[in-house]
């Protein structure tokens, strides 16, 4: 019995526990992640470091929201396709999600590179905050591909009925950041740059873990070159479901 069949046959109580508990743990771990980051920066970098993170954090949330929107929209289509035993459509949707994520990542990287100062000013960087915000932003910009892929993949795993794998995708960066923060900020004396690199490395570890899941044969979904060719109707459906869902929640 595959995962999609299991979701249609197992008792509702068991399914709720199986899906909800890992999701709750994952969210809790990510909350702790931000708290730990703030503690280390506040104690060993100072108030300017916290101010710089505060400026850049909404940009990080924006990027993760885009990844989530693609993930939520595409996962809705994937779960319906798997429920109908249409693995081909599910894989094609996954391929389009990967291509959309790549295109948006490239757009964000270009915008961040060419319009760095106006973006930071828009989010409140001025005076003494601008320079540390630039330092943090430049490094966090490197994390964009990893962050977007991890957020998108997390939702796909849930659509497949793999909540534990989705939970691990969220736990990997949190645990990695907890280990890397003291190493880079304190022991290597990298300060704010150390905090940014800890975050960036953590996001990439999460992305690598997600990629390993899809390439290792543990997933019902597979990436094919043909599936990554964007189809306008499918893209519209992904965006309409994903962004409307996030807008209602936000």
Protein backbone atom coordinates (compact mmCIF):
# COMPACT_ATOMS: atom_id res chain seq x y z
CA UNK A 1 0.00 0.00 0.00
CA UNK A 2 1.48 3.36 -1.05
CA UNK A 3 1.16 6.57 0.93
CA UNK A 4 -1.77 8.00 -1.03
CA UNK A 5 -3.76 4.76 -0.62
CA UNK A 6 -2.92 4.75 3.09
CA UNK A 7 -4.44 8.22 3.49
CA UNK A 8 -7.68 6.92 2.02
CA UNK A 9 -8.00 3.76 4.12
CA UNK A 10 -6.55 4.31 7.62
CA UNK A 11 -8.80 5.48 10.51
CA UNK A 12 -9.23 9.25 10.72
CA UNK A 13 -7.90 9.48 14.29
CA UNK A 14 -4.66 7.74 13.39
CA UNK A 15 -4.21 9.94 10.34
CA UNK A 16 -4.81 13.15 12.32
CA UNK A 17 -2.24 12.15 14.93
CA UNK A 18 0.22 11.06 12.27
CA UNK A 19 -0.10 14.30 10.29
CA UNK A 20 -0.68 16.88 13.03
CA UNK A 21 1.96 15.93 15.61
CA UNK A 22 4.98 16.17 13.26
CA UNK A 23 3.63 19.44 11.82
CA UNK A 24 3.26 20.93 15.31
CA UNK A 25 6.76 19.80 16.31
CA UNK A 26 8.21 21.30 13.13
CA UNK A 27 6.56 24.68 13.74
CA UNK A 28 7.72 24.69 17.38
CA UNK A 29 11.30 23.92 16.35
CA UNK A 30 11.31 26.74 13.78
CA UNK A 31 10.04 29.17 16.44
CA UNK A 32 12.90 28.16 18.74
CA UNK A 33 15.26 28.68 15.79
CA UNK A 34 14.48 32.42 15.61
CA UNK A 35 14.66 32.84 19.39
CA UNK A 36 18.12 31.22 19.56
CA UNK A 37 19.35 33.40 16.69
CA UNK A 38 18.22 36.56 18.47
CA UNK A 39 19.82 35.50 21.77
CA UNK A 40 23.25 34.84 20.23
CA UNK A 41 23.26 38.02 18.15
CA UNK A 42 21.95 40.16 21.00
CA UNK A 43 24.57 38.92 23.45
CA UNK A 44 27.67 38.69 21.25
CA UNK A 45 26.99 41.23 18.49
CA UNK A 46 24.81 43.88 20.12
CA UNK A 47 21.77 46.00 19.41
CA UNK A 48 22.90 46.96 15.90
CA UNK A 49 23.08 43.28 15.04
CA UNK A 50 19.53 42.71 16.23
CA UNK A 51 18.40 45.81 14.31
CA UNK A 52 20.04 44.50 11.12
CA UNK A 53 18.33 41.12 11.50
CA UNK A 54 15.01 42.87 12.18
CA UNK A 55 15.37 44.79 8.91
CA UNK A 56 16.24 41.72 6.84
CA UNK A 57 13.82 39.30 8.54
CA UNK A 58 10.68 40.49 6.65
CA UNK A 59 12.57 39.93 3.39
CA UNK A 60 13.34 36.37 4.52
CA UNK A 61 9.69 35.84 5.40
CA UNK A 62 8.67 37.16 1.98
CA UNK A 63 10.94 34.65 0.23
CA UNK A 64 9.74 31.77 2.41
CA UNK A 65 6.13 32.84 1.75
CA UNK A 66 6.69 32.59 -2.00
CA UNK A 67 8.15 29.11 -1.56
CA UNK A 68 5.18 28.20 0.64
CA UNK A 69 2.70 29.61 -1.89
CA UNK A 70 4.15 27.47 -4.66
CA UNK A 71 4.25 24.52 -2.25
CA UNK A 72 0.66 24.95 -1.04
CA UNK A 73 -0.75 25.50 -4.54
CA UNK A 74 1.16 22.67 -6.15
CA UNK A 75 0.62 20.29 -3.25
CA UNK A 76 -3.14 20.66 -3.57
CA UNK A 77 -2.89 19.49 -7.18
CA UNK A 78 -0.41 16.73 -6.30
CA UNK A 79 -2.55 15.31 -3.49
CA UNK A 80 -5.60 15.19 -5.76
CA UNK A 81 -3.58 13.57 -8.55
CA UNK A 82 -2.13 10.93 -6.21
CA UNK A 83 -5.60 10.26 -4.82
CA UNK A 84 -6.78 9.60 -8.38
CA UNK A 85 -3.74 7.35 -9.07
CA UNK A 86 -2.53 9.89 -11.62
CA UNK A 87 1.17 9.80 -10.79
CA UNK A 88 2.08 11.34 -14.13
CA UNK A 89 0.14 14.53 -13.36
CA UNK A 90 1.58 14.62 -9.85
CA UNK A 91 5.15 14.39 -11.19
CA UNK A 92 4.42 16.99 -13.87
CA UNK A 93 3.07 19.37 -11.23
CA UNK A 94 6.15 18.79 -9.09
CA UNK A 95 8.39 19.59 -12.07
CA UNK A 96 6.51 22.83 -12.74
CA UNK A 97 6.82 23.75 -9.05
CA UNK A 98 10.59 23.23 -9.25
CA UNK A 99 10.84 25.43 -12.35
CA UNK A 100 8.70 28.16 -10.80
CA UNK A 101 10.85 28.13 -7.68
CA UNK A 102 13.99 28.44 -9.81
CA UNK A 103 12.58 31.38 -11.80
CA UNK A 104 11.47 33.25 -8.70
CA UNK A 105 14.81 32.59 -7.00
CA UNK A 106 16.67 34.08 -9.99
CA UNK A 107 14.37 37.13 -9.93
CA UNK A 108 14.92 37.67 -6.20
CA UNK A 109 18.70 37.29 -6.55
CA UNK A 110 18.83 39.86 -9.38
CA UNK A 111 16.55 42.31 -7.54
CA UNK A 112 18.53 41.91 -4.33
CA UNK A 113 21.83 42.46 -6.11
CA UNK A 114 20.82 45.56 -8.07
CA UNK A 115 18.41 47.22 -5.60
CA UNK A 116 19.96 46.28 -2.26
CA UNK A 117 20.03 49.73 -0.67
CA UNK A 118 16.50 50.80 -1.73
CA UNK A 119 15.12 47.47 -0.46
CA UNK A 120 16.85 47.84 2.91
CA UNK A 121 15.72 51.47 3.19
CA UNK A 122 12.15 50.37 2.46
CA UNK A 123 12.33 47.94 5.37
CA UNK A 124 13.69 50.52 7.80
CA UNK A 125 17.49 50.51 7.45
CA UNK A 126 19.00 53.96 8.00
CA UNK A 127 21.93 55.64 9.69
CA UNK A 128 24.11 53.26 11.68
CA UNK A 129 21.86 50.29 10.86
CA UNK A 130 22.48 50.41 7.10
CA UNK A 131 26.01 48.96 7.03
CA UNK A 132 25.35 45.95 9.31
CA UNK A 133 22.07 45.39 7.46
CA UNK A 134 24.02 45.26 4.18
CA UNK A 135 26.44 42.72 5.65
CA UNK A 136 23.60 40.50 6.83
CA UNK A 137 21.54 40.97 3.65
CA UNK A 138 24.41 40.10 1.27
CA UNK A 139 24.95 36.75 2.97
CA UNK A 140 21.27 35.95 3.46
CA UNK A 141 20.74 36.60 -0.25
CA UNK A 142 22.98 33.59 -0.90
CA UNK A 143 20.51 31.46 1.09
CA UNK A 144 17.53 32.27 -1.14
CA UNK A 145 17.73 29.12 -3.36
CA UNK A 146 18.03 26.83 -0.35
CA UNK A 147 15.24 28.53 1.60
CA UNK A 148 12.78 28.60 -1.32
CA UNK A 149 13.42 24.96 -2.25
CA UNK A 150 13.09 23.77 1.37
CA UNK A 151 9.79 25.61 1.91
CA UNK A 152 8.33 24.33 -1.36
CA UNK A 153 9.50 20.75 -0.72
CA UNK A 154 8.08 20.73 2.79
CA UNK A 155 4.55 21.13 1.45
CA UNK A 156 5.09 18.50 -1.23
CA UNK A 157 6.13 15.98 1.42
CA UNK A 158 2.91 16.65 3.32
CA UNK A 159 0.90 16.16 0.12
CA UNK A 160 2.53 12.75 -0.23
CA UNK A 161 1.52 11.81 3.30
CA UNK A 162 5.07 12.08 4.65
CA UNK A 163 4.67 14.41 7.65
CA UNK A 164 7.71 13.02 9.47
CA UNK A 165 9.97 13.83 6.53
CA UNK A 166 8.42 17.31 6.34
CA UNK A 167 9.08 17.73 10.07
CA UNK A 168 12.71 16.68 9.62
CA UNK A 169 13.07 19.20 6.79
CA UNK A 170 12.15 21.91 9.30
CA UNK A 171 14.20 20.46 12.14
CA UNK A 172 17.45 20.13 10.15
CA UNK A 173 18.04 23.91 9.76
CA UNK A 174 16.97 24.63 13.34
CA UNK A 175 19.40 22.11 14.83
CA UNK A 176 22.17 23.11 12.41
CA UNK A 177 21.71 26.78 13.27
CA UNK A 178 21.83 25.99 16.99
CA UNK A 179 25.20 24.28 16.46
CA UNK A 180 26.63 26.78 13.97
CA UNK A 181 25.69 29.99 15.81
CA UNK A 182 28.17 29.58 18.69
CA UNK A 183 30.87 28.20 16.37
CA UNK A 184 30.71 31.08 13.87
CA UNK A 185 29.64 33.96 16.12
CA UNK A 186 31.70 33.21 19.24
CA UNK A 187 34.55 30.79 18.54
CA UNK A 188 35.43 32.08 15.06
CA UNK A 189 34.52 35.66 16.09
CA UNK A 190 32.62 36.33 12.84
CA UNK A 191 29.94 38.41 14.57
CA UNK A 192 26.88 39.31 12.52
CA UNK A 193 28.37 37.70 9.39
CA UNK A 194 28.69 34.49 11.40
CA UNK A 195 24.99 34.59 12.26
CA UNK A 196 24.11 35.13 8.60
CA UNK A 197 26.35 32.27 7.44
CA UNK A 198 24.91 29.99 10.12
CA UNK A 199 21.43 30.72 8.79
CA UNK A 200 22.50 30.31 5.16
CA UNK A 201 24.28 27.00 5.73
CA UNK A 202 21.29 25.75 7.73
CA UNK A 203 18.88 26.53 4.89
CA UNK A 204 21.08 24.68 2.41
CA UNK A 205 21.31 21.65 4.67
CA UNK A 206 17.50 21.61 4.75
CA UNK A 207 17.35 21.92 0.96
CA UNK A 208 19.90 19.12 0.50
CA UNK A 209 17.91 16.89 2.85
CA UNK A 210 14.73 17.55 0.84
CA UNK A 211 16.54 16.93 -2.45
CA UNK A 212 17.93 13.66 -1.08
CA UNK A 213 14.40 12.55 -0.19
CA UNK A 214 13.13 13.09 -3.73
CA UNK A 215 16.17 11.58 -5.46
CA UNK A 216 16.59 8.56 -3.17
CA UNK A 217 13.50 6.68 -4.34
CA UNK A 218 11.62 7.29 -1.08
CA UNK A 219 9.18 9.62 -2.80
CA UNK A 220 6.37 8.74 -5.20
CA UNK A 221 7.36 11.82 -7.18
CA UNK A 222 10.21 12.10 -9.64
CA UNK A 223 11.73 15.04 -11.49
CA UNK A 224 11.88 14.65 -15.27
CA UNK A 225 13.23 17.19 -17.72
CA UNK A 226 9.92 17.15 -19.60
CA UNK A 227 7.95 17.76 -16.40
CA UNK A 228 9.88 20.97 -15.74
CA UNK A 229 8.55 22.67 -18.88
CA UNK A 230 6.09 25.25 -17.59
CA UNK A 231 2.45 24.97 -18.64
CA UNK A 232 0.41 28.17 -18.33
CA UNK A 233 -2.85 26.55 -17.04
CA UNK A 234 -0.95 24.57 -14.40
CA UNK A 235 1.07 27.62 -13.32
CA UNK A 236 -2.13 29.67 -12.98
CA UNK A 237 -3.71 26.95 -10.83
CA UNK A 238 -0.63 26.69 -8.60
CA UNK A 239 -0.53 30.45 -8.05
CA UNK A 240 -4.29 30.88 -7.64
CA UNK A 241 -4.52 28.20 -4.94
CA UNK A 242 -1.22 29.03 -3.23
CA UNK A 243 -1.42 32.80 -2.97
CA UNK A 244 -5.14 32.89 -2.18
CA UNK A 245 -4.59 30.38 0.66
CA UNK A 246 -1.68 32.39 2.09
CA UNK A 247 -3.61 35.67 1.74
CA UNK A 248 -6.51 34.23 3.75
CA UNK A 249 -4.15 33.01 6.46
CA UNK A 250 -2.21 36.29 6.53
